[in-house]
Protein backbone atom coordinates (compact mmCIF):
# COMPACT_ATOMS: atom_id res chain seq x y z
CA MET A 1 28.78 92.26 47.03
CA SER A 2 29.44 89.08 45.38
CA GLN A 3 28.46 86.15 46.53
CA VAL A 4 31.16 83.87 48.12
CA PRO A 5 31.76 80.73 46.22
CA ARG A 6 30.80 77.30 47.70
CA ARG A 7 32.92 74.83 48.77
CA ILE A 8 31.52 71.70 49.71
CA ALA A 9 33.14 68.62 50.37
CA HIS A 10 32.05 64.92 50.15
CA LEU A 11 33.34 62.16 52.36
CA ASP A 12 33.06 58.69 51.75
CA MET A 13 35.11 56.25 53.97
CA ASP A 14 37.33 53.39 51.59
CA ALA A 15 35.72 50.44 51.61
CA PHE A 16 34.56 51.21 55.69
CA TYR A 17 32.73 47.82 56.77
CA ALA A 18 35.66 45.90 55.80
CA SER A 19 37.98 47.95 56.32
CA VAL A 20 36.77 48.30 60.00
CA GLU A 21 37.48 44.37 60.22
CA LEU A 22 40.70 44.90 59.08
CA LEU A 23 41.44 46.89 61.65
CA ARG A 24 40.67 43.72 63.75
CA TYR A 25 42.16 41.07 61.72
CA PRO A 26 45.29 42.94 60.01
CA ALA A 27 46.92 39.55 58.69
CA LEU A 28 44.04 39.86 56.05
CA ARG A 29 44.94 43.30 54.46
CA GLY A 30 45.99 42.69 50.97
CA GLN A 31 42.94 39.82 50.60
CA PRO A 32 39.97 39.36 48.78
CA VAL A 33 37.53 39.97 51.80
CA VAL A 34 34.04 39.95 52.11
CA ILE A 35 31.47 41.19 54.46
CA GLY A 36 28.04 39.54 54.62
CA GLY A 37 26.13 36.53 55.53
CA ARG A 38 25.03 35.36 58.72
CA ARG A 39 25.94 37.31 62.18
CA VAL A 40 28.16 36.97 64.59
CA THR A 41 27.34 35.13 68.21
CA VAL A 42 28.13 36.92 71.50
CA GLU A 43 30.14 33.70 71.91
CA GLU A 44 32.08 33.91 68.66
CA ALA A 45 32.49 37.83 69.29
CA GLU A 46 34.23 36.70 72.29
CA GLN A 47 36.47 34.17 71.03
CA GLY A 48 37.52 35.96 68.02
CA VAL A 49 37.18 34.01 64.36
CA LYS A 50 39.19 30.67 64.77
CA GLN A 51 39.55 29.94 61.18
CA PHE A 52 38.52 32.11 58.54
CA ALA A 53 35.54 30.84 56.27
CA ARG A 54 35.95 31.38 52.45
CA LEU A 55 32.92 32.19 50.19
CA ARG A 56 33.07 28.42 48.38
CA ASP A 57 32.02 26.96 51.52
CA TYR A 58 29.23 29.13 51.88
CA THR A 59 25.80 27.79 51.62
CA GLY A 60 22.68 30.16 52.25
CA ARG A 61 20.79 33.35 50.91
CA GLY A 62 22.53 35.82 52.70
CA VAL A 63 23.65 39.15 50.57
CA ILE A 64 26.94 40.75 50.78
CA THR A 65 27.06 43.83 52.83
CA THR A 66 30.90 45.04 51.43
CA SER A 67 34.08 43.99 50.09
CA THR A 68 37.52 45.47 49.97
CA TYR A 69 39.24 46.65 47.01
CA GLU A 70 40.74 43.13 46.24
CA ALA A 71 37.57 41.42 46.11
CA ARG A 72 35.97 44.02 44.06
CA ALA A 73 38.41 43.44 41.21
CA LEU A 74 37.09 39.99 41.17
CA GLY A 75 33.75 41.36 40.43
CA VAL A 76 32.22 40.89 44.17
CA PHE A 77 30.42 44.04 44.92
CA SER A 78 27.39 45.07 47.83
CA ALA A 79 23.94 43.58 47.04
CA MET A 80 25.40 40.63 45.27
CA GLY A 81 24.07 37.05 46.31
CA ILE A 82 26.92 35.99 48.58
CA MET A 83 26.19 32.57 46.51
CA LYS A 84 26.93 34.23 43.25
CA ALA A 85 29.83 35.92 44.86
CA ALA A 86 31.43 32.49 45.67
CA GLN A 87 31.26 31.93 41.68
CA LEU A 88 33.66 34.71 41.08
CA ALA A 89 35.71 34.43 43.91
CA PRO A 90 35.83 31.28 45.79
CA ASP A 91 38.76 31.82 47.76
CA ALA A 92 37.68 35.20 48.92
CA ILE A 93 37.77 35.08 53.00
CA LEU A 94 34.17 35.60 54.23
CA LEU A 95 33.17 37.91 57.70
CA PRO A 96 30.00 38.21 59.39
CA ALA A 97 28.97 41.40 59.73
CA ASP A 98 29.05 43.38 62.56
CA PHE A 99 27.25 46.77 62.92
CA ASP A 100 27.72 47.80 66.45
CA GLN A 101 31.43 48.16 65.56
CA TYR A 102 30.98 49.67 62.32
CA ARG A 103 28.19 52.38 63.99
CA LYS A 104 31.00 52.90 66.90
CA TYR A 105 33.24 54.31 63.77
CA SER A 106 30.72 56.51 62.67
CA ARG A 107 30.54 58.23 64.99
CA LEU A 108 34.12 58.50 65.70
CA PHE A 109 34.61 59.75 62.12
CA LYS A 110 31.97 62.26 62.11
CA ALA A 111 33.02 64.02 65.29
CA ALA A 112 36.53 64.14 63.99
CA VAL A 113 35.18 65.88 61.16
CA ALA A 114 33.12 68.13 63.13
CA THR A 115 36.24 69.82 65.26
CA ILE A 116 37.49 71.42 62.11
CA ALA A 117 34.04 72.14 59.90
CA PRO A 118 30.43 71.42 61.83
CA ALA A 119 28.46 72.38 58.83
CA ILE A 120 27.64 68.25 58.38
CA GLU A 121 25.16 66.63 56.67
CA ASP A 122 24.99 63.01 57.13
CA ARG A 123 24.27 60.72 54.46
CA GLY A 124 24.58 57.41 56.09
CA ILE A 125 27.14 55.53 58.19
CA ASP A 126 30.06 55.84 56.01
CA GLU A 127 29.66 59.00 54.19
CA ILE A 128 28.95 63.10 54.63
CA TYR A 129 29.08 66.07 52.93
CA ILE A 130 30.09 68.98 54.72
CA ASP A 131 29.73 72.97 53.88
CA LEU A 132 33.35 74.17 53.77
CA THR A 133 32.69 77.80 52.80
CA ASP A 134 32.75 79.39 55.66
CA VAL A 135 35.48 77.26 57.28
CA PRO A 136 39.12 79.59 57.25
CA GLY A 137 41.67 78.33 54.96
CA GLU A 138 42.83 76.77 51.82
CA THR A 139 40.67 74.24 50.13
CA ARG A 140 43.04 71.45 50.11
CA ASP A 141 44.83 72.39 53.61
CA ILE A 142 41.44 72.14 54.85
CA ALA A 143 40.65 68.99 53.33
CA VAL A 144 43.92 67.26 54.29
CA ARG A 145 43.25 68.14 57.85
CA ILE A 146 39.99 66.55 58.03
CA LYS A 147 41.38 63.30 56.10
CA THR A 148 44.41 63.51 59.10
CA ALA A 149 41.67 64.07 61.89
CA VAL A 150 39.72 60.64 60.38
CA ARG A 151 42.49 58.68 60.46
CA GLU A 152 44.04 59.64 63.79
CA ALA A 153 40.41 59.12 64.75
CA THR A 154 39.72 55.74 63.62
CA GLY A 155 42.94 54.41 61.93
CA LEU A 156 41.05 54.28 58.48
CA SER A 157 41.62 56.13 55.02
CA CYS A 158 38.82 58.22 53.62
CA SER A 159 38.06 60.05 49.75
CA ILE A 160 37.31 63.53 49.61
CA GLY A 161 35.72 65.22 47.03
CA VAL A 162 35.47 69.37 47.01
CA THR A 163 33.47 71.15 44.35
CA PRO A 164 31.00 73.99 44.36
CA ASN A 165 28.10 71.82 44.80
CA LYS A 166 26.85 68.29 46.13
CA LEU A 167 26.49 66.62 42.69
CA LEU A 168 30.12 67.52 41.62
CA SER A 169 31.90 66.18 45.08
CA LYS A 170 29.54 63.44 45.16
CA ILE A 171 31.37 62.35 41.52
CA CYS A 172 35.19 63.32 42.75
CA SER A 173 34.86 61.75 45.59
CA ASP A 174 35.17 58.40 43.86
CA LEU A 175 37.48 59.29 41.27
CA GLU A 176 40.70 58.71 43.58
CA LYS A 177 39.69 56.05 45.95
CA PRO A 178 41.11 54.91 48.27
CA ASP A 179 42.79 57.99 50.22
CA GLY A 180 41.74 60.05 47.84
CA LEU A 181 41.43 63.78 47.19
CA THR A 182 39.97 65.76 44.22
CA ILE A 183 39.05 69.54 43.87
CA LEU A 184 38.10 70.89 41.01
CA ASP A 185 35.46 74.33 40.32
CA MET A 186 32.72 74.35 37.78
CA ALA A 187 35.73 75.60 34.82
CA ASP A 188 37.18 72.34 35.02
CA VAL A 189 33.65 70.27 33.98
CA PRO A 190 34.38 69.89 30.66
CA THR A 191 37.93 68.63 31.10
CA ARG A 192 37.68 66.20 34.27
CA ILE A 193 33.88 65.43 34.36
CA TRP A 194 32.74 65.56 30.57
CA PRO A 195 35.11 62.60 29.82
CA LEU A 196 33.75 60.40 32.70
CA PRO A 197 30.96 57.96 31.69
CA ALA A 198 27.24 59.13 32.07
CA ARG A 199 26.74 56.45 35.13
CA LYS A 200 29.38 58.15 37.31
CA ILE A 201 26.17 60.55 38.12
CA ASN A 202 24.57 59.24 41.01
CA GLY A 203 20.66 58.91 39.59
CA ILE A 204 22.09 57.15 36.29
CA GLY A 205 21.28 53.72 36.70
CA PRO A 206 22.37 50.81 34.44
CA LYS A 207 19.40 50.85 32.85
CA ALA A 208 19.21 54.71 31.73
CA ASP A 209 23.06 54.33 31.00
CA GLN A 210 21.92 51.23 28.56
CA LYS A 211 19.39 53.42 26.77
CA LEU A 212 22.03 56.42 26.34
CA ALA A 213 24.38 54.27 24.91
CA SER A 214 21.42 52.94 22.62
CA LEU A 215 21.51 56.73 21.56
CA GLY A 216 24.63 57.06 21.30
CA ILE A 217 25.46 58.79 24.60
CA HIS A 218 28.33 57.10 26.29
CA THR A 219 29.69 60.15 28.54
CA VAL A 220 28.70 62.88 30.57
CA GLY A 221 30.35 65.50 27.86
CA GLU A 222 28.23 63.65 25.49
CA LEU A 223 24.84 63.74 27.14
CA ALA A 224 25.89 67.66 28.09
CA ALA A 225 25.55 68.13 23.81
CA ALA A 226 22.97 66.24 23.68
CA ALA A 227 19.16 67.95 21.63
CA PRO A 228 17.14 68.37 24.57
CA GLU A 229 13.99 67.04 22.16
CA LEU A 230 15.96 63.78 22.25
CA LEU A 231 16.10 63.59 25.66
CA GLN A 232 12.75 64.33 26.23
CA GLU A 233 11.47 61.52 23.44
CA HIS A 234 13.37 58.64 25.22
CA PHE A 235 13.24 60.00 29.01
CA GLY A 236 10.42 61.90 29.47
CA ARG A 237 10.64 65.70 30.12
CA THR A 238 11.39 65.72 33.60
CA TYR A 239 14.43 63.33 33.76
CA ALA A 240 15.57 65.19 30.82
CA GLU A 241 15.39 68.20 32.12
CA TRP A 242 17.19 66.65 35.06
CA LEU A 243 20.35 65.00 32.77
CA ALA A 244 20.55 68.27 31.31
CA GLN A 245 20.92 69.92 34.59
CA VAL A 246 23.59 67.55 36.14
CA SER A 247 25.68 66.91 32.77
CA ARG A 248 26.88 70.90 32.88
CA GLY A 249 27.67 69.76 36.64
CA GLU A 250 24.60 72.42 37.95
CA ASP A 251 23.23 71.56 41.20
CA ASP A 252 22.21 74.21 44.11
CA ARG A 253 20.99 71.70 46.75
CA PRO A 254 22.22 72.91 50.36
CA VAL A 255 24.07 71.05 53.03
CA VAL A 256 21.22 70.24 55.37
CA THR A 257 22.65 69.95 58.58
CA HIS A 258 19.65 69.02 60.76
CA SER A 259 15.99 67.82 59.76
CA GLU A 260 13.28 65.23 60.90
CA PRO A 261 13.21 62.96 58.09
CA LYS A 262 9.70 62.08 57.02
CA SER A 263 10.86 58.80 55.99
CA ILE A 264 13.65 56.21 55.45
CA SER A 265 14.54 54.35 52.71
CA ARG A 266 16.67 51.92 51.16
CA GLU A 267 16.99 51.20 47.45
CA THR A 268 19.01 49.18 44.81
CA THR A 269 18.97 49.68 41.20
CA PHE A 270 20.17 46.18 39.70
CA GLU A 271 22.81 45.69 37.02
CA ARG A 272 20.21 43.57 35.15
CA ASP A 273 16.60 43.32 35.19
CA LEU A 274 15.35 40.71 37.07
CA HIS A 275 13.08 38.11 36.52
CA VAL A 276 10.44 37.69 39.55
CA ARG A 277 10.70 33.30 38.79
CA ASN A 278 13.58 32.96 37.43
CA ASP A 279 15.98 35.40 39.58
CA ARG A 280 13.21 34.87 42.43
CA ALA A 281 16.04 33.40 44.80
CA GLU A 282 18.14 36.63 43.71
CA LEU A 283 15.53 38.88 44.51
CA SER A 284 14.50 37.25 47.70
CA GLU A 285 18.40 37.84 49.27
CA ILE A 286 18.55 41.69 47.87
CA PHE A 287 14.98 42.36 49.18
CA THR A 288 15.62 40.82 52.80
CA TRP A 289 19.21 43.24 52.63
CA LEU A 290 17.43 46.32 51.51
CA CYS A 291 15.14 45.42 54.84
CA GLU A 292 17.91 45.24 57.01
CA ARG A 293 19.48 47.66 56.22
CA VAL A 294 16.28 50.07 56.84
CA ALA A 295 16.33 48.63 60.21
CA ASP A 296 19.83 49.32 60.90
CA ASP A 297 19.25 52.67 59.70
CA LEU A 298 16.41 53.57 61.67
CA ARG A 299 17.96 52.13 64.97
CA ARG A 300 21.14 54.21 64.22
CA LYS A 301 18.71 57.65 64.10
CA GLY A 302 16.66 56.34 66.77
CA TYR A 303 13.50 56.13 65.11
CA VAL A 304 10.77 53.81 64.81
CA GLY A 305 7.92 53.66 62.14
CA ARG A 306 4.35 52.90 61.37
CA THR A 307 4.11 52.71 57.58
CA ILE A 308 6.19 50.10 55.40
CA GLY A 309 6.24 50.62 51.95
CA ILE A 310 7.63 49.13 48.62
CA LYS A 311 8.69 50.54 45.50
CA LEU A 312 9.29 48.60 42.24
CA ARG A 313 10.58 50.24 38.98
CA PHE A 314 10.17 47.88 35.79
CA ASP A 315 11.91 47.36 32.83
CA ASP A 316 9.52 49.55 31.00
CA PHE A 317 10.73 52.34 33.45
CA SER A 318 7.36 52.76 35.04
CA THR A 319 7.01 52.81 38.80
CA VAL A 320 4.59 51.28 41.41
CA THR A 321 4.47 52.08 44.79
CA ARG A 322 2.65 50.09 48.06
CA ASP A 323 2.23 51.01 51.61
CA LEU A 324 0.75 49.44 54.60
CA SER A 325 0.15 50.81 57.98
CA LEU A 326 1.33 48.48 61.03
CA GLY A 327 -0.76 48.53 64.56
CA VAL A 328 2.63 49.64 66.30
CA PRO A 329 5.73 51.62 65.44
CA THR A 330 8.81 49.17 64.75
CA ALA A 331 12.51 49.31 64.00
CA ASP A 332 12.55 45.25 63.37
CA ALA A 333 14.01 43.45 60.19
CA ALA A 334 11.57 41.28 60.24
CA GLU A 335 8.44 42.79 60.75
CA ILE A 336 9.59 45.33 57.89
CA ARG A 337 10.02 42.46 55.84
CA ARG A 338 6.73 40.71 56.49
CA ALA A 339 4.81 44.14 56.13
CA ALA A 340 6.55 44.71 52.69
CA GLY A 341 5.50 41.70 51.41
CA GLU A 342 2.50 41.80 52.13
CA CYS A 343 2.82 45.29 50.19
CA LEU A 344 4.48 42.99 46.95
CA LYS A 345 1.57 40.85 46.84
CA ARG A 346 -0.65 43.82 46.26
CA ILE A 347 1.37 44.04 42.51
CA ARG A 348 0.99 42.47 39.44
CA LEU A 349 4.49 41.10 38.94
CA ASP A 350 4.73 40.43 35.67
CA LYS A 351 7.42 42.45 33.67
CA ARG A 352 11.31 42.05 35.08
CA LEU A 353 11.96 44.52 37.49
CA ARG A 354 14.98 47.17 37.39
CA LEU A 355 14.73 48.34 40.92
CA LEU A 356 13.71 47.30 44.51
CA GLY A 357 13.16 49.99 47.29
CA VAL A 358 12.10 49.59 50.55
CA ARG A 359 10.51 52.69 53.12
CA VAL A 360 9.43 53.03 56.33
CA SER A 361 7.10 56.53 57.12
CA ALA A 362 5.31 57.39 60.16
CA LEU A 363 8.14 58.07 62.07
CA HIS A 364 8.28 58.63 65.50
CA ILE A 365 11.40 58.70 68.27
CA ALA A 366 12.13 54.98 69.36
CA SER A 367 11.63 54.73 73.18
CA ASP A 368 13.85 51.51 72.92
CA MET A 369 15.76 49.90 70.45
CA GLN A 370 13.97 46.34 68.72
CA GLU A 371 16.08 43.27 67.79
CA ILE A 372 16.48 42.00 64.57
CA GLY A 373 14.07 39.13 64.42
CA GLU A 374 13.53 35.97 62.11
CA GLN A 375 12.99 36.52 58.28
CA ALA A 376 9.63 36.82 56.95
CA SER A 377 8.56 34.59 53.69
CA LEU A 378 7.86 36.83 50.05
CA PRO A 379 6.31 36.37 46.81
CA PHE A 380 9.90 35.81 46.04
CA ASP A 381 10.64 32.82 48.38
């Protein structure tokens, strides 16, 4: 008996945090809006935002959480320092993040999807993988039903890619944003995937993309046609084999509907290599942002962790990790940042950085949730 072809969907909410805010402030639709900076106080939440702040008026060291598509068109993206963003889009609206609301809408859209296709892998507050293989009906009809259910439950749009595997579906959910729907099979890889820039593959960051470009490899198709020995010479055997595999659209990872995490982490690859001294402020902002996102993930999933770790990748592709175990498990952003800062002090920072990550492991189910505390100082400060 032949195996039934897999139908794996990746659903990504469109500019999720910003879209939730636009439900609250519909007058801002169509404008460049940035979410980030300080958290809103209880009094402000009760009164509402009387007068919208502009990026040009911001002073501080906050980092952008997300932005509307209009702001992205001006070059303003998540993890960017707000002061830097103000230089690109000084008239953009700046709103504080409200994670309670984002978590609420996250639960709503996932519950709506589960009524149609219950085999869901939770990948974060605004994205999921869905196994549609055993769901009756035509693929497009199922995907349209899911999109409709999400909009009815939340008032928000999402983009969906459906392909035989997670790798391709992740790429396809981004091809027709916002409110997109892309359905491909393996026969479509040469015509739809190979013409795309190599960086569209999740896992090929800016530095790897630059190195591929220096070898004359700009598209996924050119990567698929590259000589294995050339890739191995410049990237090492393991990464070279992975590059060859994903360039062909191959990925056999299952949709994992439930698992107890061993760790929770966040990391980001910089658009350019950052210097520890010259880019200290930007690094500090990103470090704080990562710690806050990890803390938010812990609380959302109901965990605390005892071991705090960091991951650094340098401009020569070398990677260093350090860990520190605490006396008491935590989900507190300030405590995570302090411990991560101690880890950072144990690393010789004499090369430019291309990636920074924060990880919490040795997880336990949390008996109660902790509030985010004050930021701690780091060698970047």
